[in-house]
Each structure stands twice: as C-alpha cells, then as structure tokens.
PDB file of N, CA and C in Angstrom:
ATOM      1  N   GLY A   1     -30.031 -38.389  -1.588  1.00  0.00           N
ATOM      2  CA  GLY A   1     -28.908 -37.537  -1.929  1.00  0.00           C
ATOM      3  C   GLY A   1     -28.719 -36.462  -0.884  1.00  0.00           C
ATOM      4  N   VAL A   2     -27.669 -35.702  -1.069  1.00  0.00           N
ATOM      5  CA  VAL A   2     -27.349 -34.618  -0.143  1.00  0.00           C
ATOM      6  C   VAL A   2     -26.938 -33.394  -0.951  1.00  0.00           C
ATOM      7  N   GLN A   3     -27.284 -32.217  -0.435  1.00  0.00           N
ATOM      8  CA  GLN A   3     -26.834 -30.955  -1.000  1.00  0.00           C
ATOM      9  C   GLN A   3     -26.109 -30.197   0.102  1.00  0.00           C
ATOM     10  N   ILE A   4     -24.967 -29.613  -0.234  1.00  0.00           N
ATOM     11  CA  ILE A   4     -24.209 -28.812   0.719  1.00  0.00           C
ATOM     12  C   ILE A   4     -23.957 -27.452   0.084  1.00  0.00           C
ATOM     13  N   TYR A   5     -24.135 -26.396   0.869  1.00  0.00           N
ATOM     14  CA  TYR A   5     -23.890 -25.047   0.382  1.00  0.00           C
ATOM     15  C   TYR A   5     -23.036 -24.313   1.410  1.00  0.00           C
ATOM     16  N   TYR A   6     -22.000 -23.632   0.948  1.00  0.00           N
ATOM     17  CA  TYR A   6     -21.154 -22.838   1.829  1.00  0.00           C
ATOM     18  C   TYR A   6     -21.397 -21.370   1.524  1.00  0.00           C
ATOM     19  N   LYS A   7     -21.833 -20.633   2.507  1.00  0.00           N
ATOM     20  CA  LYS A   7     -22.088 -19.206   2.325  1.00  0.00           C
ATOM     21  C   LYS A   7     -20.875 -18.425   2.823  1.00  0.00           C
ATOM     22  N   THR A   8     -20.260 -17.682   1.928  1.00  0.00           N
ATOM     23  CA  THR A   8     -19.089 -16.882   2.263  1.00  0.00           C
ATOM     24  C   THR A   8     -19.519 -15.540   2.825  1.00  0.00           C
ATOM     25  N   ASP A   9     -18.867 -15.114   3.894  1.00  0.00           N
ATOM     26  CA  ASP A   9     -19.039 -13.760   4.420  1.00  0.00           C
ATOM     27  C   ASP A   9     -17.842 -12.950   3.940  1.00  0.00           C
ATOM     28  N   PRO A  10     -17.981 -12.194   2.838  1.00  0.00           N
ATOM     29  CA  PRO A  10     -16.829 -11.504   2.261  1.00  0.00           C
ATOM     30  C   PRO A  10     -16.211 -10.457   3.186  1.00  0.00           C
ATOM     31  N   THR A  11     -16.945 -10.034   4.204  1.00  0.00           N
ATOM     32  CA  THR A  11     -16.361  -9.083   5.149  1.00  0.00           C
ATOM     33  C   THR A  11     -15.309  -9.747   6.034  1.00  0.00           C
ATOM     34  N   LYS A  12     -15.317 -11.073   6.089  1.00  0.00           N
ATOM     35  CA  LYS A  12     -14.353 -11.821   6.903  1.00  0.00           C
ATOM     36  C   LYS A  12     -13.289 -12.509   6.065  1.00  0.00           C
ATOM     37  N   THR A  13     -13.394 -12.410   4.728  1.00  0.00           N
ATOM     38  CA  THR A  13     -12.441 -13.096   3.855  1.00  0.00           C
ATOM     39  C   THR A  13     -11.710 -12.140   2.924  1.00  0.00           C
ATOM     40  N   GLY A  14     -11.765 -10.852   3.231  1.00  0.00           N
ATOM     41  CA  GLY A  14     -11.096  -9.878   2.386  1.00  0.00           C
ATOM     42  C   GLY A  14     -11.722  -9.750   1.008  1.00  0.00           C
ATOM     43  N   GLY A  15     -13.017 -10.013   0.896  1.00  0.00           N
ATOM     44  CA  GLY A  15     -13.718  -9.899  -0.374  1.00  0.00           C
ATOM     45  C   GLY A  15     -13.630 -11.129  -1.258  1.00  0.00           C
ATOM     46  N   LYS A  16     -12.945 -12.172  -0.808  1.00  0.00           N
ATOM     47  CA  LYS A  16     -12.840 -13.406  -1.594  1.00  0.00           C
ATOM     48  C   LYS A  16     -14.038 -14.302  -1.305  1.00  0.00           C
ATOM     49  N   TYR A  17     -14.436 -15.060  -2.321  1.00  0.00           N
ATOM     50  CA  TYR A  17     -15.560 -15.980  -2.167  1.00  0.00           C
ATOM     51  C   TYR A  17     -15.075 -17.421  -2.249  1.00  0.00           C
ATOM     52  N   TYR A  18     -15.773 -18.284  -1.537  1.00  0.00           N
ATOM     53  CA  TYR A  18     -15.429 -19.700  -1.475  1.00  0.00           C
ATOM     54  C   TYR A  18     -16.665 -20.539  -1.735  1.00  0.00           C
ATOM     55  N   SER A  19     -16.442 -21.779  -2.124  1.00  0.00           N
ATOM     56  CA  SER A  19     -17.530 -22.737  -2.279  1.00  0.00           C
ATOM     57  C   SER A  19     -17.081 -24.056  -1.657  1.00  0.00           C
ATOM     58  N   VAL A  20     -17.982 -24.994  -1.602  1.00  0.00           N
ATOM     59  CA  VAL A  20     -17.654 -26.297  -1.038  1.00  0.00           C
ATOM     60  C   VAL A  20     -17.657 -27.335  -2.162  1.00  0.00           C
ATOM     61  N   LYS A  21     -16.622 -28.166  -2.149  1.00  0.00           N
ATOM     62  CA  LYS A  21     -16.521 -29.299  -3.075  1.00  0.00           C
ATOM     63  C   LYS A  21     -16.785 -30.536  -2.219  1.00  0.00           C
ATOM     64  N   TYR A  22     -17.741 -31.354  -2.627  1.00  0.00           N
ATOM     65  CA  TYR A  22     -18.071 -32.500  -1.779  1.00  0.00           C
ATOM     66  C   TYR A  22     -18.337 -33.752  -2.607  1.00  0.00           C
ATOM     67  N   GLN A  23     -18.314 -34.854  -1.895  1.00  0.00           N
ATOM     68  CA  GLN A  23     -18.438 -36.171  -2.513  1.00  0.00           C
ATOM     69  C   GLN A  23     -19.081 -37.102  -1.496  1.00  0.00           C
ATOM     70  N   VAL A  24     -19.888 -38.032  -1.965  1.00  0.00           N
ATOM     71  CA  VAL A  24     -20.480 -39.016  -1.063  1.00  0.00           C
ATOM     72  C   VAL A  24     -20.041 -40.422  -1.455  1.00  0.00           C
ATOM     73  N   LYS A  25     -20.059 -41.277  -0.462  1.00  0.00           N
ATOM     74  CA  LYS A  25     -19.767 -42.697  -0.666  1.00  0.00           C
ATOM     75  C   LYS A  25     -21.059 -43.456  -0.412  1.00  0.00           C
ATOM     76  N   THR A  26     -21.449 -44.300  -1.366  1.00  0.00           N
ATOM     77  CA  THR A  26     -22.668 -45.082  -1.191  1.00  0.00           C
ATOM     78  C   THR A  26     -22.318 -46.544  -0.909  1.00  0.00           C
ATOM     79  N   ALA A  27     -23.284 -47.242  -0.363  1.00  0.00           N
ATOM     80  CA  ALA A  27     -23.057 -48.632   0.039  1.00  0.00           C
ATOM     81  C   ALA A  27     -22.694 -49.528  -1.137  1.00  0.00           C
ATOM     82  N   ARG A  28     -23.312 -49.298  -2.292  1.00  0.00           N
ATOM     83  CA  ARG A  28     -23.085 -50.193  -3.434  1.00  0.00           C
ATOM     84  C   ARG A  28     -22.125 -49.651  -4.488  1.00  0.00           C
ATOM     85  N   ARG A  29     -22.019 -48.345  -4.604  1.00  0.00           N
ATOM     86  CA  ARG A  29     -21.233 -47.766  -5.694  1.00  0.00           C
ATOM     87  C   ARG A  29     -19.906 -47.147  -5.261  1.00  0.00           C
ATOM     88  N   GLY A  30     -19.652 -47.098  -3.965  1.00  0.00           N
ATOM     89  CA  GLY A  30     -18.410 -46.476  -3.490  1.00  0.00           C
ATOM     90  C   GLY A  30     -18.478 -44.959  -3.627  1.00  0.00           C
ATOM     91  N   TRP A  31     -17.309 -44.327  -3.786  1.00  0.00           N
ATOM     92  CA  TRP A  31     -17.247 -42.870  -3.896  1.00  0.00           C
ATOM     93  C   TRP A  31     -17.765 -42.423  -5.260  1.00  0.00           C
ATOM     94  N   LEU A  32     -18.726 -41.512  -5.246  1.00  0.00           N
ATOM     95  CA  LEU A  32     -19.280 -40.948  -6.469  1.00  0.00           C
ATOM     96  C   LEU A  32     -18.508 -39.687  -6.845  1.00  0.00           C
ATOM     97  N   GLY A  33     -18.806 -39.123  -7.991  1.00  0.00           N
ATOM     98  CA  GLY A  33     -18.101 -37.937  -8.471  1.00  0.00           C
ATOM     99  C   GLY A  33     -18.272 -36.723  -7.565  1.00  0.00           C
ATOM    100  N   GLU A  34     -17.331 -35.792  -7.669  1.00  0.00           N
ATOM    101  CA  GLU A  34     -17.364 -34.579  -6.865  1.00  0.00           C
ATOM    102  C   GLU A  34     -18.445 -33.630  -7.374  1.00  0.00           C
ATOM    103  N   VAL A  35     -19.033 -32.894  -6.434  1.00  0.00           N
ATOM    104  CA  VAL A  35     -20.048 -31.899  -6.727  1.00  0.00           C
ATOM    105  C   VAL A  35     -19.616 -30.594  -6.066  1.00  0.00           C
ATOM    106  N   TYR A  36     -19.826 -29.474  -6.745  1.00  0.00           N
ATOM    107  CA  TYR A  36     -19.560 -28.157  -6.166  1.00  0.00           C
ATOM    108  C   TYR A  36     -20.887 -27.487  -5.855  1.00  0.00           C
ATOM    109  N   ASP A  37     -20.915 -26.734  -4.745  1.00  0.00           N
ATOM    110  CA  ASP A  37     -22.133 -25.965  -4.499  1.00  0.00           C
ATOM    111  C   ASP A  37     -22.259 -24.915  -5.587  1.00  0.00           C
ATOM    112  N   THR A  38     -23.448 -24.376  -5.720  1.00  0.00           N
ATOM    113  CA  THR A  38     -23.710 -23.448  -6.813  1.00  0.00           C
ATOM    114  C   THR A  38     -24.293 -22.152  -6.287  1.00  0.00           C
ATOM    115  N   ASN A  39     -24.513 -21.247  -7.169  1.00  0.00           N
ATOM    116  CA  ASN A  39     -25.087 -19.962  -6.835  1.00  0.00           C
ATOM    117  C   ASN A  39     -26.603 -20.111  -6.692  1.00  0.00           C
ATOM    118  N   TRP A  40     -27.065 -20.258  -5.473  1.00  0.00           N
ATOM    119  CA  TRP A  40     -28.489 -20.498  -5.219  1.00  0.00           C
ATOM    120  C   TRP A  40     -29.350 -19.312  -5.640  1.00  0.00           C
ATOM    121  N   GLU A  41     -28.816 -18.098  -5.567  1.00  0.00           N
ATOM    122  CA  GLU A  41     -29.596 -16.921  -5.931  1.00  0.00           C
ATOM    123  C   GLU A  41     -29.968 -16.924  -7.416  1.00  0.00           C
ATOM    124  N   SER A  42     -29.170 -17.557  -8.267  1.00  0.00           N
ATOM    125  CA  SER A  42     -29.459 -17.572  -9.698  1.00  0.00           C
ATOM    126  C   SER A  42     -30.362 -18.747 -10.084  1.00  0.00           C
ATOM    127  N   GLY A  43     -30.784 -19.544  -9.104  1.00  0.00           N
ATOM    128  CA  GLY A  43     -31.632 -20.681  -9.392  1.00  0.00           C
ATOM    129  C   GLY A  43     -30.870 -21.922  -9.828  1.00  0.00           C
ATOM    130  N   ASP A  44     -29.576 -21.889  -9.703  1.00  0.00           N
ATOM    131  CA  ASP A  44     -28.693 -22.977 -10.123  1.00  0.00           C
ATOM    132  C   ASP A  44     -28.555 -24.087  -9.102  1.00  0.00           C
ATOM    133  N   GLY A  45     -28.969 -23.870  -7.883  1.00  0.00           N
ATOM    134  CA  GLY A  45     -28.607 -24.773  -6.790  1.00  0.00           C
ATOM    135  C   GLY A  45     -29.370 -26.062  -6.778  1.00  0.00           C
ATOM    136  N   ASN A  46     -29.237 -26.853  -7.825  1.00  0.00           N
ATOM    137  CA  ASN A  46     -29.997 -28.093  -7.878  1.00  0.00           C
ATOM    138  C   ASN A  46     -29.111 -29.318  -8.004  1.00  0.00           C
ATOM    139  N   HIS A  47     -27.855 -29.209  -7.682  1.00  0.00           N
ATOM    140  CA  HIS A  47     -26.957 -30.357  -7.765  1.00  0.00           C
ATOM    141  C   HIS A  47     -26.983 -31.137  -6.448  1.00  0.00           C
ATOM    142  N   THR A  48     -27.088 -32.445  -6.559  1.00  0.00           N
ATOM    143  CA  THR A  48     -27.055 -33.300  -5.380  1.00  0.00           C
ATOM    144  C   THR A  48     -25.995 -34.373  -5.587  1.00  0.00           C
ATOM    145  N   ALA A  49     -25.548 -34.919  -4.485  1.00  0.00           N
ATOM    146  CA  ALA A  49     -24.617 -36.036  -4.526  1.00  0.00           C
ATOM    147  C   ALA A  49     -25.333 -37.241  -3.938  1.00  0.00           C
ATOM    148  N   GLY A  50     -25.266 -38.356  -4.620  1.00  0.00           N
ATOM    149  CA  GLY A  50     -25.914 -39.563  -4.153  1.00  0.00           C
ATOM    150  C   GLY A  50     -26.569 -40.310  -5.301  1.00  0.00           C
ATOM    151  N   ALA A  51     -27.178 -41.427  -4.972  1.00  0.00           N
ATOM    152  CA  ALA A  51     -27.870 -42.243  -5.964  1.00  0.00           C
ATOM    153  C   ALA A  51     -29.143 -42.776  -5.314  1.00  0.00           C
ATOM    154  N   PHE A  52     -30.258 -42.603  -5.971  1.00  0.00           N
ATOM    155  CA  PHE A  52     -31.540 -43.026  -5.432  1.00  0.00           C
ATOM    156  C   PHE A  52     -31.507 -44.504  -5.045  1.00  0.00           C
ATOM    157  N   GLY A  53     -31.910 -44.793  -3.814  1.00  0.00           N
ATOM    158  CA  GLY A  53     -31.992 -46.162  -3.349  1.00  0.00           C
ATOM    159  C   GLY A  53     -30.684 -46.763  -2.870  1.00  0.00           C
ATOM    160  N   ASP A  54     -29.593 -46.000  -2.910  1.00  0.00           N
ATOM    161  CA  ASP A  54     -28.278 -46.493  -2.475  1.00  0.00           C
ATOM    162  C   ASP A  54     -27.862 -45.689  -1.246  1.00  0.00           C
ATOM    163  N   PRO A  55     -27.880 -46.291  -0.051  1.00  0.00           N
ATOM    164  CA  PRO A  55     -27.601 -45.545   1.181  1.00  0.00           C
ATOM    165  C   PRO A  55     -26.232 -44.863   1.165  1.00  0.00           C
ATOM    166  N   ILE A  56     -26.202 -43.626   1.666  1.00  0.00           N
ATOM    167  CA  ILE A  56     -24.945 -42.881   1.818  1.00  0.00           C
ATOM    168  C   ILE A  56     -24.273 -43.353   3.091  1.00  0.00           C
ATOM    169  N   ILE A  57     -22.999 -43.744   2.969  1.00  0.00           N
ATOM    170  CA  ILE A  57     -22.257 -44.220   4.142  1.00  0.00           C
ATOM    171  C   ILE A  57     -21.034 -43.349   4.446  1.00  0.00           C
ATOM    172  N   GLY A  58     -20.804 -42.327   3.638  1.00  0.00           N
ATOM    173  CA  GLY A  58     -19.683 -41.418   3.895  1.00  0.00           C
ATOM    174  C   GLY A  58     -19.847 -40.122   3.123  1.00  0.00           C
ATOM    175  N   ILE A  59     -19.347 -39.036   3.700  1.00  0.00           N
ATOM    176  CA  ILE A  59     -19.344 -37.727   3.052  1.00  0.00           C
ATOM    177  C   ILE A  59     -17.992 -37.091   3.319  1.00  0.00           C
ATOM    178  N   ARG A  60     -17.402 -36.486   2.272  1.00  0.00           N
ATOM    179  CA  ARG A  60     -16.208 -35.679   2.491  1.00  0.00           C
ATOM    180  C   ARG A  60     -16.406 -34.355   1.766  1.00  0.00           C
ATOM    181  N   ALA A  61     -15.902 -33.295   2.399  1.00  0.00           N
ATOM    182  CA  ALA A  61     -16.098 -31.956   1.855  1.00  0.00           C
ATOM    183  C   ALA A  61     -14.874 -31.101   2.163  1.00  0.00           C
ATOM    184  N   VAL A  62     -14.623 -30.139   1.257  1.00  0.00           N
ATOM    185  CA  VAL A  62     -13.520 -29.207   1.445  1.00  0.00           C
ATOM    186  C   VAL A  62     -13.956 -27.846   0.911  1.00  0.00           C
ATOM    187  N   ILE A  63     -13.535 -26.778   1.602  1.00  0.00           N
ATOM    188  CA  ILE A  63     -13.813 -25.413   1.157  1.00  0.00           C
ATOM    189  C   ILE A  63     -12.736 -25.010   0.162  1.00  0.00           C
ATOM    190  N   VAL A  64     -13.152 -24.478  -1.001  1.00  0.00           N
ATOM    191  CA  VAL A  64     -12.224 -24.113  -2.070  1.00  0.00           C
ATOM    192  C   VAL A  64     -12.547 -22.707  -2.560  1.00  0.00           C
ATOM    193  N   PRO A  65     -11.570 -21.995  -3.147  1.00  0.00           N
ATOM    194  CA  PRO A  65     -11.861 -20.694  -3.731  1.00  0.00           C
ATOM    195  C   PRO A  65     -12.892 -20.822  -4.849  1.00  0.00           C
ATOM    196  N   ALA A  66     -13.813 -19.874  -4.905  1.00  0.00           N
ATOM    197  CA  ALA A  66     -14.860 -19.922  -5.939  1.00  0.00           C
ATOM    198  C   ALA A  66     -14.323 -19.411  -7.260  1.00  0.00           C
TER     199      ALA A  66
END
C-alpha cells in the first residue's frame, strides 16, 4: 500500500489548509476507492491505499481544501 500526506504551510495559503485525495490502481482490482490524508498529529494517519499482494500500477492524487 501507499500513504500520502500533504503538509500545508498556512503562511503561504492565507491561513487555509489543504489535504491530498488519492487513489491507487492495482494489477488485479483496477482503481480502488479514494483515500484522504489525515491529521497525523492526532494519531489518525493510518489510512493506506492498496491491497496486500496486488501490485500497484498507478497512482493519482489531487490537492483539495481540508
């Protein structure tokens, strides 16, 4: 699996925060569901995209408002 985290620098975004929405494509299952990065400081950052034993052959990601 893969984990992606986007760290916002609020001094460069006018105080707005952003996160990353991402998805992986596996060899056998195609595109899996979307995953959003989480607040790692709160201990929440345990979401991964992928499936054990199924090779990842594509990743797509987009930055979105948090």
